[in-house]
Amino acid sequence: MKTIDVSTLKSKLDAGESLHLVDVREPSEHEEFNIGGILLPLGNIRVGVIDSIEDLRDKEVYLYCRSGNRSGQAALILESMGFSDVTNVVGGMLAWQDQFPV
């Protein structure tokens, strides 16, 4: 599984790169704070409900959650489902908020 740290991800976003971000947290967490990703909770991924990202199967996808744990699990599942280029955001939104407080 590929990984990226929050500093590198933020640099890509700040540079205006068009990234495919997927937030695998729960809706309440996403509403509280997010960096613009498509919401697709890990539970949905586990049962194969991935319609909202099906068109990203052959694109680079960055997965994030609160700490990097759920997004790591999601990355493994998506890879097993044929997604060719998934990257886990190490440290998740905890690391993001620690390094880039709002």
PDB file of N, CA and C in Angstrom:
ATOM      1  N   MET A   1       0.837  -1.180   0.000  1.00  0.00           N
ATOM      2  CA  MET A   1       0.000   0.000   0.000  1.00  0.00           C
ATOM      3  C   MET A   1       0.884   1.246   0.000  1.00  0.00           C
ATOM      4  N   LYS A   2       0.521   2.183  -0.848  1.00  0.00           N
ATOM      5  CA  LYS A   2       1.247   3.449  -0.868  1.00  0.00           C
ATOM      6  C   LYS A   2       0.737   4.349   0.254  1.00  0.00           C
ATOM      7  N   THR A   3       1.629   5.198   0.750  1.00  0.00           N
ATOM      8  CA  THR A   3       1.250   6.144   1.790  1.00  0.00           C
ATOM      9  C   THR A   3       1.754   7.538   1.426  1.00  0.00           C
ATOM     10  N   ILE A   4       1.136   8.520   2.050  1.00  0.00           N
ATOM     11  CA  ILE A   4       1.559   9.911   1.889  1.00  0.00           C
ATOM     12  C   ILE A   4       1.360  10.594   3.233  1.00  0.00           C
ATOM     13  N   ASP A   5       2.247  11.509   3.592  1.00  0.00           N
ATOM     14  CA  ASP A   5       2.060  12.254   4.835  1.00  0.00           C
ATOM     15  C   ASP A   5       1.235  13.503   4.541  1.00  0.00           C
ATOM     16  N   VAL A   6       0.677  14.087   5.586  1.00  0.00           N
ATOM     17  CA  VAL A   6      -0.228  15.218   5.399  1.00  0.00           C
ATOM     18  C   VAL A   6       0.472  16.444   4.817  1.00  0.00           C
ATOM     19  N   SER A   7       1.750  16.642   5.131  1.00  0.00           N
ATOM     20  CA  SER A   7       2.476  17.796   4.583  1.00  0.00           C
ATOM     21  C   SER A   7       2.594  17.698   3.067  1.00  0.00           C
ATOM     22  N   THR A   8       2.914  16.518   2.581  1.00  0.00           N
ATOM     23  CA  THR A   8       3.040  16.322   1.137  1.00  0.00           C
ATOM     24  C   THR A   8       1.687  16.465   0.457  1.00  0.00           C
ATOM     25  N   LEU A   9       0.655  15.904   1.079  1.00  0.00           N
ATOM     26  CA  LEU A   9      -0.685  16.027   0.516  1.00  0.00           C
ATOM     27  C   LEU A   9      -1.117  17.487   0.459  1.00  0.00           C
ATOM     28  N   LYS A  10      -0.885  18.222   1.535  1.00  0.00           N
ATOM     29  CA  LYS A  10      -1.266  19.637   1.550  1.00  0.00           C
ATOM     30  C   LYS A  10      -0.508  20.414   0.483  1.00  0.00           C
ATOM     31  N   SER A  11       0.755  20.097   0.279  1.00  0.00           N
ATOM     32  CA  SER A  11       1.535  20.761  -0.775  1.00  0.00           C
ATOM     33  C   SER A  11       0.911  20.524  -2.145  1.00  0.00           C
ATOM     34  N   LYS A  12       0.460  19.302  -2.385  1.00  0.00           N
ATOM     35  CA  LYS A  12      -0.185  18.985  -3.658  1.00  0.00           C
ATOM     36  C   LYS A  12      -1.479  19.779  -3.818  1.00  0.00           C
ATOM     37  N   LEU A  13      -2.265  19.838  -2.748  1.00  0.00           N
ATOM     38  CA  LEU A  13      -3.511  20.596  -2.804  1.00  0.00           C
ATOM     39  C   LEU A  13      -3.243  22.081  -2.999  1.00  0.00           C
ATOM     40  N   ASP A  14      -2.267  22.617  -2.269  1.00  0.00           N
ATOM     41  CA  ASP A  14      -1.926  24.038  -2.387  1.00  0.00           C
ATOM     42  C   ASP A  14      -1.408  24.387  -3.784  1.00  0.00           C
ATOM     43  N   ALA A  15      -0.783  23.405  -4.439  1.00  0.00           N
ATOM     44  CA  ALA A  15      -0.265  23.622  -5.797  1.00  0.00           C
ATOM     45  C   ALA A  15      -1.371  23.520  -6.843  1.00  0.00           C
ATOM     46  N   GLY A  16      -2.576  23.200  -6.392  1.00  0.00           N
ATOM     47  CA  GLY A  16      -3.705  23.137  -7.303  1.00  0.00           C
ATOM     48  C   GLY A  16      -3.850  21.827  -8.052  1.00  0.00           C
ATOM     49  N   GLU A  17      -3.141  20.800  -7.599  1.00  0.00           N
ATOM     50  CA  GLU A  17      -3.265  19.505  -8.257  1.00  0.00           C
ATOM     51  C   GLU A  17      -4.697  18.986  -8.079  1.00  0.00           C
ATOM     52  N   SER A  18      -5.211  18.387  -9.114  1.00  0.00           N
ATOM     53  CA  SER A  18      -6.545  17.806  -9.068  1.00  0.00           C
ATOM     54  C   SER A  18      -6.426  16.402  -8.491  1.00  0.00           C
ATOM     55  N   LEU A  19      -6.830  16.249  -7.239  1.00  0.00           N
ATOM     56  CA  LEU A  19      -6.667  14.984  -6.538  1.00  0.00           C
ATOM     57  C   LEU A  19      -8.026  14.351  -6.261  1.00  0.00           C
ATOM     58  N   HIS A  20      -8.048  13.034  -6.225  1.00  0.00           N
ATOM     59  CA  HIS A  20      -9.246  12.284  -5.895  1.00  0.00           C
ATOM     60  C   HIS A  20      -9.145  11.870  -4.427  1.00  0.00           C
ATOM     61  N   LEU A  21      -9.808  12.647  -3.560  1.00  0.00           N
ATOM     62  CA  LEU A  21      -9.775  12.409  -2.120  1.00  0.00           C
ATOM     63  C   LEU A  21     -11.031  11.667  -1.695  1.00  0.00           C
ATOM     64  N   VAL A  22     -10.844  10.651  -0.855  1.00  0.00           N
ATOM     65  CA  VAL A  22     -11.981   9.888  -0.338  1.00  0.00           C
ATOM     66  C   VAL A  22     -11.857   9.822   1.182  1.00  0.00           C
ATOM     67  N   ASP A  23     -12.892  10.301   1.855  1.00  0.00           N
ATOM     68  CA  ASP A  23     -12.967  10.315   3.313  1.00  0.00           C
ATOM     69  C   ASP A  23     -13.736   9.068   3.749  1.00  0.00           C
ATOM     70  N   VAL A  24     -13.082   8.168   4.486  1.00  0.00           N
ATOM     71  CA  VAL A  24     -13.728   6.912   4.876  1.00  0.00           C
ATOM     72  C   VAL A  24     -14.283   6.959   6.308  1.00  0.00           C
ATOM     73  N   ARG A  25     -14.378   8.153   6.870  1.00  0.00           N
ATOM     74  CA  ARG A  25     -14.950   8.310   8.205  1.00  0.00           C
ATOM     75  C   ARG A  25     -16.478   8.271   8.132  1.00  0.00           C
ATOM     76  N   GLU A  26     -17.112   8.443   9.265  1.00  0.00           N
ATOM     77  CA  GLU A  26     -18.567   8.489   9.357  1.00  0.00           C
ATOM     78  C   GLU A  26     -19.055   9.901   8.990  1.00  0.00           C
ATOM     79  N   PRO A  27     -20.321  10.024   8.572  1.00  0.00           N
ATOM     80  CA  PRO A  27     -20.855  11.335   8.178  1.00  0.00           C
ATOM     81  C   PRO A  27     -20.657  12.430   9.220  1.00  0.00           C
ATOM     82  N   SER A  28     -20.853  12.123  10.503  1.00  0.00           N
ATOM     83  CA  SER A  28     -20.699  13.157  11.539  1.00  0.00           C
ATOM     84  C   SER A  28     -19.261  13.664  11.603  1.00  0.00           C
ATOM     85  N   GLU A  29     -18.299  12.779  11.406  1.00  0.00           N
ATOM     86  CA  GLU A  29     -16.893  13.188  11.407  1.00  0.00           C
ATOM     87  C   GLU A  29     -16.592  14.061  10.192  1.00  0.00           C
ATOM     88  N   HIS A  30     -17.156  13.682   9.062  1.00  0.00           N
ATOM     89  CA  HIS A  30     -16.949  14.417   7.811  1.00  0.00           C
ATOM     90  C   HIS A  30     -17.517  15.836   7.925  1.00  0.00           C
ATOM     91  N   GLU A  31     -18.692  15.945   8.533  1.00  0.00           N
ATOM     92  CA  GLU A  31     -19.320  17.262   8.716  1.00  0.00           C
ATOM     93  C   GLU A  31     -18.510  18.142   9.648  1.00  0.00           C
ATOM     94  N   GLU A  32     -17.893  17.530  10.655  1.00  0.00           N
ATOM     95  CA  GLU A  32     -17.120  18.280  11.643  1.00  0.00           C
ATOM     96  C   GLU A  32     -15.891  18.934  11.014  1.00  0.00           C
ATOM     97  N   PHE A  33     -15.176  18.163  10.188  1.00  0.00           N
ATOM     98  CA  PHE A  33     -13.973  18.680   9.533  1.00  0.00           C
ATOM     99  C   PHE A  33     -13.591  17.745   8.401  1.00  0.00           C
ATOM    100  N   ASN A  34     -13.355  18.324   7.217  1.00  0.00           N
ATOM    101  CA  ASN A  34     -12.866  17.515   6.106  1.00  0.00           C
ATOM    102  C   ASN A  34     -12.045  18.388   5.176  1.00  0.00           C
ATOM    103  N   ILE A  35     -11.322  17.748   4.281  1.00  0.00           N
ATOM    104  CA  ILE A  35     -10.451  18.485   3.357  1.00  0.00           C
ATOM    105  C   ILE A  35     -10.977  18.399   1.920  1.00  0.00           C
ATOM    106  N   GLY A  36     -12.260  18.124   1.802  1.00  0.00           N
ATOM    107  CA  GLY A  36     -12.882  18.161   0.488  1.00  0.00           C
ATOM    108  C   GLY A  36     -13.083  16.825  -0.186  1.00  0.00           C
ATOM    109  N   GLY A  37     -12.882  15.753   0.533  1.00  0.00           N
ATOM    110  CA  GLY A  37     -13.015  14.438  -0.082  1.00  0.00           C
ATOM    111  C   GLY A  37     -14.455  13.971  -0.218  1.00  0.00           C
ATOM    112  N   ILE A  38     -14.634  12.991  -1.093  1.00  0.00           N
ATOM    113  CA  ILE A  38     -15.914  12.306  -1.238  1.00  0.00           C
ATOM    114  C   ILE A  38     -16.106  11.451   0.009  1.00  0.00           C
ATOM    115  N   LEU A  39     -17.270  11.529   0.630  1.00  0.00           N
ATOM    116  CA  LEU A  39     -17.542  10.717   1.812  1.00  0.00           C
ATOM    117  C   LEU A  39     -17.953   9.313   1.384  1.00  0.00           C
ATOM    118  N   LEU A  40     -17.202   8.326   1.845  1.00  0.00           N
ATOM    119  CA  LEU A  40     -17.513   6.913   1.617  1.00  0.00           C
ATOM    120  C   LEU A  40     -17.049   6.138   2.842  1.00  0.00           C
ATOM    121  N   PRO A  41     -17.933   5.995   3.846  1.00  0.00           N
ATOM    122  CA  PRO A  41     -17.539   5.334   5.094  1.00  0.00           C
ATOM    123  C   PRO A  41     -16.976   3.933   4.870  1.00  0.00           C
ATOM    124  N   LEU A  42     -16.034   3.562   5.721  1.00  0.00           N
ATOM    125  CA  LEU A  42     -15.395   2.254   5.633  1.00  0.00           C
ATOM    126  C   LEU A  42     -16.420   1.124   5.628  1.00  0.00           C
ATOM    127  N   GLY A  43     -17.477   1.244   6.419  1.00  0.00           N
ATOM    128  CA  GLY A  43     -18.505   0.214   6.454  1.00  0.00           C
ATOM    129  C   GLY A  43     -19.106  -0.052   5.082  1.00  0.00           C
ATOM    130  N   ASN A  44     -19.300   0.999   4.303  1.00  0.00           N
ATOM    131  CA  ASN A  44     -19.819   0.836   2.939  1.00  0.00           C
ATOM    132  C   ASN A  44     -18.812   0.091   2.066  1.00  0.00           C
ATOM    133  N   ILE A  45     -17.544   0.437   2.225  1.00  0.00           N
ATOM    134  CA  ILE A  45     -16.500  -0.215   1.432  1.00  0.00           C
ATOM    135  C   ILE A  45     -16.444  -1.702   1.781  1.00  0.00           C
ATOM    136  N   ARG A  46     -16.556  -2.014   3.062  1.00  0.00           N
ATOM    137  CA  ARG A  46     -16.502  -3.417   3.505  1.00  0.00           C
ATOM    138  C   ARG A  46     -17.583  -4.273   2.869  1.00  0.00           C
ATOM    139  N   VAL A  47     -18.771  -3.699   2.632  1.00  0.00           N
ATOM    140  CA  VAL A  47     -19.870  -4.468   2.046  1.00  0.00           C
ATOM    141  C   VAL A  47     -19.973  -4.260   0.530  1.00  0.00           C
ATOM    142  N   GLY A  48     -19.007  -3.554  -0.047  1.00  0.00           N
ATOM    143  CA  GLY A  48     -18.953  -3.404  -1.500  1.00  0.00           C
ATOM    144  C   GLY A  48     -19.808  -2.306  -2.078  1.00  0.00           C
ATOM    145  N   VAL A  49     -20.323  -1.388  -1.247  1.00  0.00           N
ATOM    146  CA  VAL A  49     -21.125  -0.275  -1.750  1.00  0.00           C
ATOM    147  C   VAL A  49     -20.180   0.888  -2.058  1.00  0.00           C
ATOM    148  N   ILE A  50     -19.677   0.886  -3.285  1.00  0.00           N
ATOM    149  CA  ILE A  50     -18.660   1.875  -3.668  1.00  0.00           C
ATOM    150  C   ILE A  50     -19.055   2.665  -4.914  1.00  0.00           C
ATOM    151  N   ASP A  51     -20.363   2.739  -5.195  1.00  0.00           N
ATOM    152  CA  ASP A  51     -20.843   3.409  -6.408  1.00  0.00           C
ATOM    153  C   ASP A  51     -20.270   4.806  -6.583  1.00  0.00           C
ATOM    154  N   SER A  52     -20.132   5.555  -5.495  1.00  0.00           N
ATOM    155  CA  SER A  52     -19.695   6.947  -5.590  1.00  0.00           C
ATOM    156  C   SER A  52     -18.252   7.096  -6.070  1.00  0.00           C
ATOM    157  N   ILE A  53     -17.467   6.019  -6.025  1.00  0.00           N
ATOM    158  CA  ILE A  53     -16.075   6.119  -6.485  1.00  0.00           C
ATOM    159  C   ILE A  53     -15.736   5.096  -7.571  1.00  0.00           C
ATOM    160  N   GLU A  54     -16.727   4.413  -8.083  1.00  0.00           N
ATOM    161  CA  GLU A  54     -16.489   3.380  -9.101  1.00  0.00           C
ATOM    162  C   GLU A  54     -15.690   3.927 -10.285  1.00  0.00           C
ATOM    163  N   ASP A  55     -15.951   5.175 -10.668  1.00  0.00           N
ATOM    164  CA  ASP A  55     -15.245   5.762 -11.810  1.00  0.00           C
ATOM    165  C   ASP A  55     -13.786   6.101 -11.508  1.00  0.00           C
ATOM    166  N   LEU A  56     -13.362   5.922 -10.248  1.00  0.00           N
ATOM    167  CA  LEU A  56     -11.972   6.200  -9.862  1.00  0.00           C
ATOM    168  C   LEU A  56     -11.113   4.940  -9.857  1.00  0.00           C
ATOM    169  N   ARG A  57     -11.646   3.842 -10.315  1.00  0.00           N
ATOM    170  CA  ARG A  57     -10.971   2.546 -10.252  1.00  0.00           C
ATOM    171  C   ARG A  57      -9.558   2.577 -10.857  1.00  0.00           C
ATOM    172  N   ASP A  58      -9.358   3.333 -11.922  1.00  0.00           N
ATOM    173  CA  ASP A  58      -8.054   3.386 -12.591  1.00  0.00           C
ATOM    174  C   ASP A  58      -7.335   4.717 -12.370  1.00  0.00           C
ATOM    175  N   LYS A  59      -7.754   5.461 -11.355  1.00  0.00           N
ATOM    176  CA  LYS A  59      -7.138   6.757 -11.062  1.00  0.00           C
ATOM    177  C   LYS A  59      -6.477   6.707  -9.697  1.00  0.00           C
ATOM    178  N   GLU A  60      -5.587   7.665  -9.459  1.00  0.00           N
ATOM    179  CA  GLU A  60      -4.943   7.748  -8.151  1.00  0.00           C
ATOM    180  C   GLU A  60      -5.945   8.280  -7.129  1.00  0.00           C
ATOM    181  N   VAL A  61      -6.142   7.523  -6.053  1.00  0.00           N
ATOM    182  CA  VAL A  61      -7.113   7.861  -5.015  1.00  0.00           C
ATOM    183  C   VAL A  61      -6.377   8.001  -3.684  1.00  0.00           C
ATOM    184  N   TYR A  62      -6.652   9.093  -2.983  1.00  0.00           N
ATOM    185  CA  TYR A  62      -6.078   9.335  -1.659  1.00  0.00           C
ATOM    186  C   TYR A  62      -7.167   9.111  -0.619  1.00  0.00           C
ATOM    187  N   LEU A  63      -6.931   8.174   0.288  1.00  0.00           N
ATOM    188  CA  LEU A  63      -7.902   7.823   1.314  1.00  0.00           C
ATOM    189  C   LEU A  63      -7.483   8.422   2.656  1.00  0.00           C
ATOM    190  N   TYR A  64      -8.452   9.016   3.356  1.00  0.00           N
ATOM    191  CA  TYR A  64      -8.132   9.544   4.680  1.00  0.00           C
ATOM    192  C   TYR A  64      -9.257   9.254   5.660  1.00  0.00           C
ATOM    193  N   CYS A  65      -8.882   9.252   6.940  1.00  0.00           N
ATOM    194  CA  CYS A  65      -9.824   9.050   8.039  1.00  0.00           C
ATOM    195  C   CYS A  65      -9.334   9.889   9.215  1.00  0.00           C
ATOM    196  N   ARG A  66      -9.701   9.509  10.403  1.00  0.00           N
ATOM    197  CA  ARG A  66      -9.291  10.257  11.593  1.00  0.00           C
ATOM    198  C   ARG A  66      -7.804  10.097  11.876  1.00  0.00           C
ATOM    199  N   SER A  67      -7.320   8.842  11.851  1.00  0.00           N
ATOM    200  CA  SER A  67      -5.935   8.591  12.263  1.00  0.00           C
ATOM    201  C   SER A  67      -5.076   7.872  11.226  1.00  0.00           C
ATOM    202  N   GLY A  68      -5.698   7.371  10.171  1.00  0.00           N
ATOM    203  CA  GLY A  68      -4.975   6.595   9.168  1.00  0.00           C
ATOM    204  C   GLY A  68      -5.255   5.106   9.254  1.00  0.00           C
ATOM    205  N   ASN A  69      -5.931   4.671  10.309  1.00  0.00           N
ATOM    206  CA  ASN A  69      -6.227   3.255  10.484  1.00  0.00           C
ATOM    207  C   ASN A  69      -7.314   2.781   9.521  1.00  0.00           C
ATOM    208  N   ARG A  70      -8.481   3.428   9.577  1.00  0.00           N
ATOM    209  CA  ARG A  70      -9.582   3.018   8.694  1.00  0.00           C
ATOM    210  C   ARG A  70      -9.230   3.201   7.227  1.00  0.00           C
ATOM    211  N   SER A  71      -8.510   4.277   6.915  1.00  0.00           N
ATOM    212  CA  SER A  71      -8.138   4.490   5.511  1.00  0.00           C
ATOM    213  C   SER A  71      -7.146   3.430   5.051  1.00  0.00           C
ATOM    214  N   GLY A  72      -6.297   2.951   5.943  1.00  0.00           N
ATOM    215  CA  GLY A  72      -5.400   1.846   5.599  1.00  0.00           C
ATOM    216  C   GLY A  72      -6.168   0.580   5.295  1.00  0.00           C
ATOM    217  N   GLN A  73      -7.192   0.293   6.119  1.00  0.00           N
ATOM    218  CA  GLN A  73      -8.045  -0.866   5.870  1.00  0.00           C
ATOM    219  C   GLN A  73      -8.781  -0.713   4.540  1.00  0.00           C
ATOM    220  N   ALA A  74      -9.299   0.492   4.300  1.00  0.00           N
ATOM    221  CA  ALA A  74     -10.024   0.755   3.056  1.00  0.00           C
ATOM    222  C   ALA A  74      -9.109   0.575   1.847  1.00  0.00           C
ATOM    223  N   ALA A  75      -7.859   1.015   1.970  1.00  0.00           N
ATOM    224  CA  ALA A  75      -6.912   0.869   0.860  1.00  0.00           C
ATOM    225  C   ALA A  75      -6.726  -0.601   0.503  1.00  0.00           C
ATOM    226  N   LEU A  76      -6.556  -1.440   1.497  1.00  0.00           N
ATOM    227  CA  LEU A  76      -6.372  -2.869   1.248  1.00  0.00           C
ATOM    228  C   LEU A  76      -7.606  -3.481   0.576  1.00  0.00           C
ATOM    229  N   ILE A  77      -8.785  -3.094   1.038  1.00  0.00           N
ATOM    230  CA  ILE A  77     -10.020  -3.620   0.455  1.00  0.00           C
ATOM    231  C   ILE A  77     -10.161  -3.164  -0.995  1.00  0.00           C
ATOM    232  N   LEU A  78      -9.950  -1.865  -1.226  1.00  0.00           N
ATOM    233  CA  LEU A  78     -10.094  -1.345  -2.589  1.00  0.00           C
ATOM    234  C   LEU A  78      -9.074  -1.977  -3.533  1.00  0.00           C
ATOM    235  N   GLU A  79      -7.857  -2.191  -3.054  1.00  0.00           N
ATOM    236  CA  GLU A  79      -6.859  -2.869  -3.881  1.00  0.00           C
ATOM    237  C   GLU A  79      -7.345  -4.269  -4.249  1.00  0.00           C
ATOM    238  N   SER A  80      -7.944  -4.966  -3.295  1.00  0.00           N
ATOM    239  CA  SER A  80      -8.445  -6.320  -3.570  1.00  0.00           C
ATOM    240  C   SER A  80      -9.635  -6.291  -4.532  1.00  0.00           C
ATOM    241  N   MET A  81     -10.297  -5.131  -4.646  1.00  0.00           N
ATOM    242  CA  MET A  81     -11.437  -4.978  -5.552  1.00  0.00           C
ATOM    243  C   MET A  81     -11.000  -4.471  -6.927  1.00  0.00           C
ATOM    244  N   GLY A  82      -9.690  -4.327  -7.127  1.00  0.00           N
ATOM    245  CA  GLY A  82      -9.196  -3.934  -8.434  1.00  0.00           C
ATOM    246  C   GLY A  82      -8.849  -2.474  -8.623  1.00  0.00           C
ATOM    247  N   PHE A  83      -8.907  -1.698  -7.545  1.00  0.00           N
ATOM    248  CA  PHE A  83      -8.461  -0.303  -7.660  1.00  0.00           C
ATOM    249  C   PHE A  83      -6.944  -0.334  -7.790  1.00  0.00           C
ATOM    250  N   SER A  84      -6.439   0.350  -8.802  1.00  0.00           N
ATOM    251  CA  SER A  84      -5.031   0.172  -9.154  1.00  0.00           C
ATOM    252  C   SER A  84      -4.067   1.128  -8.467  1.00  0.00           C
ATOM    253  N   ASP A  85      -4.562   2.227  -7.894  1.00  0.00           N
ATOM    254  CA  ASP A  85      -3.632   3.235  -7.374  1.00  0.00           C
ATOM    255  C   ASP A  85      -4.231   3.944  -6.161  1.00  0.00           C
ATOM    256  N   VAL A  86      -4.188   3.283  -5.004  1.00  0.00           N
ATOM    257  CA  VAL A  86      -4.723   3.881  -3.777  1.00  0.00           C
ATOM    258  C   VAL A  86      -3.591   4.249  -2.830  1.00  0.00           C
ATOM    259  N   THR A  87      -3.755   5.377  -2.162  1.00  0.00           N
ATOM    260  CA  THR A  87      -2.746   5.891  -1.246  1.00  0.00           C
ATOM    261  C   THR A  87      -3.410   6.247   0.075  1.00  0.00           C
ATOM    262  N   ASN A  88      -2.826   5.776   1.173  1.00  0.00           N
ATOM    263  CA  ASN A  88      -3.320   6.056   2.512  1.00  0.00           C
ATOM    264  C   ASN A  88      -2.647   7.312   3.066  1.00  0.00           C
ATOM    265  N   VAL A  89      -3.451   8.233   3.597  1.00  0.00           N
ATOM    266  CA  VAL A  89      -2.917   9.438   4.235  1.00  0.00           C
ATOM    267  C   VAL A  89      -2.553   9.081   5.672  1.00  0.00           C
ATOM    268  N   VAL A  90      -1.263   8.985   5.943  1.00  0.00           N
ATOM    269  CA  VAL A  90      -0.747   8.575   7.252  1.00  0.00           C
ATOM    270  C   VAL A  90      -1.071   9.641   8.298  1.00  0.00           C
ATOM    271  N   GLY A  91      -1.640   9.197   9.401  1.00  0.00           N
ATOM    272  CA  GLY A  91      -1.970  10.115  10.493  1.00  0.00           C
ATOM    273  C   GLY A  91      -3.330  10.756  10.365  1.00  0.00           C
ATOM    274  N   GLY A  92      -3.917  10.690   9.188  1.00  0.00           N
ATOM    275  CA  GLY A  92      -5.269  11.186   8.958  1.00  0.00           C
ATOM    276  C   GLY A  92      -5.496  12.628   9.374  1.00  0.00           C
ATOM    277  N   MET A  93      -6.734  12.903   9.725  1.00  0.00           N
ATOM    278  CA  MET A  93      -7.119  14.270  10.061  1.00  0.00           C
ATOM    279  C   MET A  93      -6.559  14.727  11.403  1.00  0.00           C
ATOM    280  N   LEU A  94      -6.197  13.793  12.268  1.00  0.00           N
ATOM    281  CA  LEU A  94      -5.519  14.196  13.503  1.00  0.00           C
ATOM    282  C   LEU A  94      -4.179  14.845  13.172  1.00  0.00           C
ATOM    283  N   ALA A  95      -3.416  14.225  12.297  1.00  0.00           N
ATOM    284  CA  ALA A  95      -2.122  14.784  11.892  1.00  0.00           C
ATOM    285  C   ALA A  95      -2.320  16.090  11.133  1.00  0.00           C
ATOM    286  N   TRP A  96      -3.352  16.139  10.288  1.00  0.00           N
ATOM    287  CA  TRP A  96      -3.633  17.357   9.518  1.00  0.00           C
ATOM    288  C   TRP A  96      -3.907  18.523  10.465  1.00  0.00           C
ATOM    289  N   GLN A  97      -4.807  18.305  11.421  1.00  0.00           N
ATOM    290  CA  GLN A  97      -5.158  19.386  12.342  1.00  0.00           C
ATOM    291  C   GLN A  97      -4.001  19.744  13.266  1.00  0.00           C
ATOM    292  N   ASP A  98      -3.156  18.788  13.569  1.00  0.00           N
ATOM    293  CA  ASP A  98      -1.972  19.056  14.392  1.00  0.00           C
ATOM    294  C   ASP A  98      -0.994  19.949  13.641  1.00  0.00           C
ATOM    295  N   GLN A  99      -0.766  19.662  12.362  1.00  0.00           N
ATOM    296  CA  GLN A  99       0.195  20.424  11.573  1.00  0.00           C
ATOM    297  C   GLN A  99      -0.376  21.710  10.977  1.00  0.00           C
ATOM    298  N   PHE A 100      -1.681  21.708  10.715  1.00  0.00           N
ATOM    299  CA  PHE A 100      -2.333  22.857  10.071  1.00  0.00           C
ATOM    300  C   PHE A 100      -3.573  23.239  10.849  1.00  0.00           C
ATOM    301  N   PRO A 101      -3.412  23.774  12.058  1.00  0.00           N
ATOM    302  CA  PRO A 101      -4.582  24.127  12.876  1.00  0.00           C
ATOM    303  C   PRO A 101      -5.468  25.173  12.193  1.00  0.00           C
ATOM    304  N   VAL A 102      -6.757  25.028  12.410  1.00  0.00           N
ATOM    305  CA  VAL A 102      -7.704  25.992  11.830  1.00  0.00           C
ATOM    306  C   VAL A 102      -8.297  26.889  12.896  1.00  0.00           C
TER     307      VAL A 102
END
